[in-house]
Amino acid sequence: MTLKILIIIPCYNEQVSLPILLQEINTLSLPTEYELDKIIINDCSKDKTSEVAKANGAKVLDLTCNLGIGGAVQTGIKYAIKHNFDFAVQMDGDGQHPPSELIKLLEHQKLTQADVVIGSRFIDKKGFQSSFIRRMGIRYFYGLNRLFTQKSIYDSTSGFRLLARKALNLAAINYPDDYPEPESLVIFSKANLSIKEVPVTMRGRLGGKSSIGSGASVFYGFKVSLAMLFSFIRN
């Protein structure tokens, strides 16, 4: 039985990093039981993200308005369901998630039958570890997620994650709009989905700049904290 995997790559102004990332995906070798495809969700980029993606052989969905990362990822999730994929893997367009690490997520899902598998940079602490300020924020979200989910998720902000079919079905109808990674774990946990974490090695972004500047970090933390709380108390 062949299992279909869709790599969902949400992008906003990632024309610099995309050629390298897509080339790595195109040359990726997986076990024969898996069939791999990829799609770029172009979130109203102002550069040549769409053209670069198409020139490198990727399917592209060009959004007509900027939805933010949550809306872009959910668009890819709905595409995955419509086209009968068994798994979807979120992978950042900036190249921080090496495609070669995907096999670790797949092997862990096969071993545990988890609904969600998160690639974590903080278990083995290898590779790029992010800035000190961001690590402090991630520790904060670790505590908040432990409070709301009763689970120890060390890299709850990781955008490198695999969703199996139950998680896909839920995320297609209920997925946070802005910076969804921590909040979505509350939603998945409330639905009693199995969430696992596996160590991966990440790297610094290959181009472009982060959508969360240092000055916006405090506002981001406050906003996501409220969103997690509301998701926790909502029926």
Protein backbone atom coordinates (compact mmCIF):
# COMPACT_ATOMS: atom_id res chain seq x y z
CA MET A 1 0.00 0.00 0.00
CA THR A 2 1.39 3.37 -1.05
CA LEU A 3 1.07 6.24 1.42
CA LYS A 4 0.74 9.70 -0.12
CA ILE A 5 2.60 12.60 1.51
CA LEU A 6 2.08 16.26 0.69
CA ILE A 7 4.71 18.79 1.72
CA ILE A 8 2.96 22.10 2.38
CA ILE A 9 5.26 25.10 2.10
CA PRO A 10 3.66 28.41 3.16
CA CYS A 11 5.60 31.28 1.61
CA TYR A 12 5.75 35.04 1.89
CA ASN A 13 8.65 36.62 -0.01
CA GLU A 14 10.85 33.51 -0.15
CA GLN A 15 12.29 33.81 -3.67
CA VAL A 16 15.87 33.54 -2.37
CA SER A 17 15.53 30.34 -0.35
CA LEU A 18 13.01 28.43 -2.50
CA PRO A 19 15.32 27.20 -5.29
CA ILE A 20 17.63 25.46 -2.80
CA LEU A 21 14.75 24.04 -0.76
CA LEU A 22 12.86 22.71 -3.80
CA GLN A 23 16.00 21.19 -5.27
CA GLU A 24 16.56 19.32 -2.00
CA ILE A 25 12.97 18.07 -2.02
CA ASN A 26 13.23 17.01 -5.67
CA THR A 27 16.28 14.86 -4.92
CA LEU A 28 14.91 13.43 -1.67
CA SER A 29 14.80 9.64 -1.51
CA LEU A 30 12.14 8.01 0.68
CA PRO A 31 11.20 4.35 1.23
CA THR A 32 9.15 2.92 -1.62
CA GLU A 33 5.99 2.80 0.51
CA TYR A 34 5.77 6.60 0.34
CA GLU A 35 4.73 8.77 -2.60
CA LEU A 36 5.81 12.40 -2.20
CA ASP A 37 4.36 15.60 -3.63
CA LYS A 38 4.73 19.26 -2.69
CA ILE A 39 2.76 22.47 -2.96
CA ILE A 40 3.71 26.10 -2.44
CA ILE A 41 1.08 28.30 -0.81
CA ASN A 42 2.04 31.78 -1.98
CA ASP A 43 0.58 34.13 0.63
CA CYS A 44 0.45 37.26 -1.55
CA SER A 45 4.22 37.61 -1.79
CA LYS A 46 5.55 40.90 -3.14
CA ASP A 47 8.58 39.29 -4.74
CA LYS A 48 8.92 36.51 -7.34
CA THR A 49 8.10 33.62 -5.00
CA SER A 50 5.41 32.24 -7.32
CA GLU A 51 7.51 32.43 -10.47
CA VAL A 52 10.55 30.89 -8.79
CA ALA A 53 8.47 28.02 -7.37
CA LYS A 54 6.91 27.21 -10.74
CA ALA A 55 10.29 27.39 -12.48
CA ASN A 56 11.52 24.73 -10.02
CA GLY A 57 8.67 22.34 -10.76
CA ALA A 58 6.38 23.02 -7.81
CA LYS A 59 2.61 23.30 -7.80
CA VAL A 60 1.61 26.75 -6.58
CA LEU A 61 -1.58 28.08 -5.02
CA ASP A 62 -1.52 31.89 -5.24
CA LEU A 63 -3.73 33.36 -2.52
CA THR A 64 -5.64 36.49 -3.53
CA CYS A 65 -5.17 38.09 -0.10
CA ASN A 66 -2.64 37.64 2.68
CA LEU A 67 -4.02 35.08 5.14
CA GLY A 68 -1.01 34.73 7.41
CA ILE A 69 0.80 31.47 8.04
CA GLY A 70 -2.20 29.75 9.63
CA GLY A 71 -4.51 30.48 6.72
CA ALA A 72 -1.82 29.48 4.22
CA VAL A 73 -1.17 26.17 5.97
CA GLN A 74 -4.89 25.44 6.26
CA THR A 75 -5.25 26.06 2.53
CA GLY A 76 -2.63 23.37 1.96
CA ILE A 77 -4.37 21.04 4.41
CA LYS A 78 -7.67 21.39 2.54
CA TYR A 79 -5.82 20.63 -0.70
CA ALA A 80 -4.33 17.51 0.92
CA ILE A 81 -7.75 16.23 1.95
CA LYS A 82 -9.32 17.00 -1.44
CA HIS A 83 -6.58 15.02 -3.18
CA ASN A 84 -6.63 12.10 -0.71
CA PHE A 85 -3.20 12.44 0.86
CA ASP A 86 -2.52 10.27 3.90
CA PHE A 87 -0.11 12.75 5.49
CA ALA A 88 0.74 16.41 5.18
CA VAL A 89 4.04 17.87 6.31
CA GLN A 90 4.41 21.57 7.01
CA MET A 91 7.84 22.84 6.01
CA ASP A 92 8.93 26.48 6.17
CA GLY A 93 9.77 28.22 2.91
CA ASP A 94 12.88 29.86 4.39
CA GLY A 95 14.82 26.59 4.30
CA GLN A 96 15.24 26.13 8.05
CA HIS A 97 13.80 22.61 7.83
CA PRO A 98 16.14 20.34 5.82
CA PRO A 99 14.00 17.96 3.73
CA SER A 100 16.40 15.12 4.58
CA GLU A 101 15.05 15.29 8.17
CA LEU A 102 11.57 14.35 6.93
CA ILE A 103 12.41 10.65 7.18
CA LYS A 104 12.71 11.03 10.99
CA LEU A 105 9.13 12.31 11.21
CA LEU A 106 7.86 9.49 8.99
CA GLU A 107 9.71 6.79 10.93
CA HIS A 108 8.41 8.13 14.25
CA GLN A 109 4.84 8.23 12.96
CA LYS A 110 5.14 4.67 11.69
CA LEU A 111 6.53 3.55 15.05
CA THR A 112 4.00 5.37 17.26
CA GLN A 113 0.99 5.80 14.92
CA ALA A 114 0.81 9.39 16.17
CA ASP A 115 -1.66 11.86 14.71
CA VAL A 116 0.85 14.71 14.96
CA VAL A 117 4.65 14.47 14.89
CA ILE A 118 6.68 17.59 15.63
CA GLY A 119 10.27 18.01 14.55
CA SER A 120 12.10 19.45 17.56
CA ARG A 121 15.45 21.25 17.59
CA PHE A 122 15.60 21.22 21.41
CA ILE A 123 15.68 17.51 22.31
CA ASP A 124 19.19 16.70 21.08
CA LYS A 125 20.10 20.41 20.81
CA LYS A 126 21.93 20.00 17.52
CA GLY A 127 22.03 22.45 14.64
CA PHE A 128 20.56 25.95 14.66
CA GLN A 129 19.01 26.77 18.06
CA SER A 130 17.49 30.22 17.32
CA SER A 131 18.29 33.45 19.16
CA PHE A 132 18.41 33.76 22.95
CA ILE A 133 15.23 35.87 23.02
CA ARG A 134 13.33 33.33 20.96
CA ARG A 135 14.56 30.44 23.09
CA MET A 136 13.19 32.23 26.13
CA GLY A 137 9.85 32.62 24.36
CA ILE A 138 9.82 28.95 23.39
CA ARG A 139 10.47 27.97 27.03
CA TYR A 140 7.51 30.12 28.00
CA PHE A 141 5.27 28.36 25.48
CA TYR A 142 6.55 25.01 26.73
CA GLY A 143 5.16 25.85 30.16
CA LEU A 144 1.92 27.22 28.76
CA ASN A 145 1.37 24.15 26.59
CA ARG A 146 2.10 21.87 29.53
CA LEU A 147 -0.57 23.73 31.50
CA PHE A 148 -3.19 23.47 28.76
CA THR A 149 -2.38 20.03 27.29
CA GLN A 150 -0.61 18.16 30.13
CA LYS A 151 2.06 17.26 27.57
CA SER A 152 5.77 18.09 27.50
CA ILE A 153 6.35 19.57 24.05
CA TYR A 154 9.79 21.15 23.95
CA ASP A 155 9.50 22.87 20.57
CA SER A 156 5.85 23.92 20.45
CA THR A 157 6.59 26.74 17.98
CA SER A 158 8.19 24.39 15.45
CA GLY A 159 6.70 24.73 11.99
CA PHE A 160 8.19 21.38 10.94
CA ARG A 161 5.40 18.91 11.65
CA LEU A 162 3.60 15.95 10.18
CA LEU A 163 -0.19 15.58 10.36
CA ALA A 164 -1.90 12.24 9.83
CA ARG A 165 -5.47 11.93 8.61
CA LYS A 166 -7.32 12.60 11.89
CA ALA A 167 -5.29 15.77 12.45
CA LEU A 168 -5.83 16.84 8.85
CA ASN A 169 -9.60 16.46 9.15
CA LEU A 170 -9.66 18.54 12.32
CA ALA A 171 -7.27 21.23 11.06
CA ALA A 172 -9.29 21.66 7.87
CA ILE A 173 -12.21 23.01 9.91
CA ASN A 174 -10.44 24.43 12.99
CA TYR A 175 -6.97 25.90 12.61
CA PRO A 176 -5.59 29.15 14.06
CA ASP A 177 -5.00 32.06 11.70
CA ASP A 178 -1.84 33.75 13.00
CA TYR A 179 1.30 31.89 14.14
CA PRO A 180 -0.74 28.75 14.75
CA GLU A 181 1.83 26.25 16.00
CA PRO A 182 1.39 26.59 19.82
CA GLU A 183 -2.38 27.14 19.68
CA SER A 184 -3.01 24.23 17.34
CA LEU A 185 -1.47 21.86 19.88
CA VAL A 186 -4.16 22.88 22.36
CA ILE A 187 -6.82 22.15 19.73
CA PHE A 188 -5.31 18.76 18.85
CA SER A 189 -4.94 17.83 22.51
CA LYS A 190 -8.55 18.69 23.33
CA ALA A 191 -9.59 16.36 20.51
CA ASN A 192 -7.53 13.57 22.15
CA LEU A 193 -5.16 13.29 19.22
CA SER A 194 -1.79 11.68 19.81
CA ILE A 195 1.05 14.24 19.67
CA LYS A 196 4.68 13.13 19.54
CA GLU A 197 8.00 14.91 19.19
CA VAL A 198 11.15 13.71 17.48
CA PRO A 199 14.61 15.33 17.46
CA VAL A 200 15.67 16.91 14.17
CA THR A 201 18.54 19.12 13.10
CA MET A 202 17.50 22.51 11.74
CA ARG A 203 19.54 25.30 10.19
CA GLY A 204 19.41 29.08 9.88
CA ARG A 205 17.14 30.57 7.25
CA LEU A 206 18.56 30.50 3.72
CA GLY A 207 17.20 33.92 2.80
CA GLY A 208 14.67 36.64 3.55
CA LYS A 209 13.74 37.77 7.04
CA SER A 210 11.43 36.59 9.79
CA SER A 211 7.89 37.94 9.99
CA ILE A 212 8.38 38.38 13.75
CA GLY A 213 10.90 41.12 14.48
CA SER A 214 12.48 41.52 17.89
CA GLY A 215 10.19 44.44 18.68
CA ALA A 216 7.09 42.38 17.91
CA SER A 217 8.07 39.41 20.07
CA VAL A 218 6.31 40.63 23.23
CA PHE A 219 3.11 41.40 21.35
CA TYR A 220 3.32 38.01 19.61
CA GLY A 221 3.69 36.23 22.95
CA PHE A 222 0.74 38.07 24.47
CA LYS A 223 -1.47 37.46 21.44
CA VAL A 224 -0.69 33.76 21.17
CA SER A 225 -1.12 33.27 24.93
CA LEU A 226 -4.64 34.68 24.75
CA ALA A 227 -5.43 32.56 21.71
CA MET A 228 -4.25 29.41 23.51
CA LEU A 229 -6.38 30.28 26.52
CA PHE A 230 -9.48 30.82 24.40
CA SER A 231 -8.90 27.55 22.55
CA PHE A 232 -8.55 25.79 25.89
CA ILE A 233 -11.83 27.10 27.36
CA ARG A 234 -13.84 27.00 24.14
CA ASN A 235 -16.29 24.09 23.74
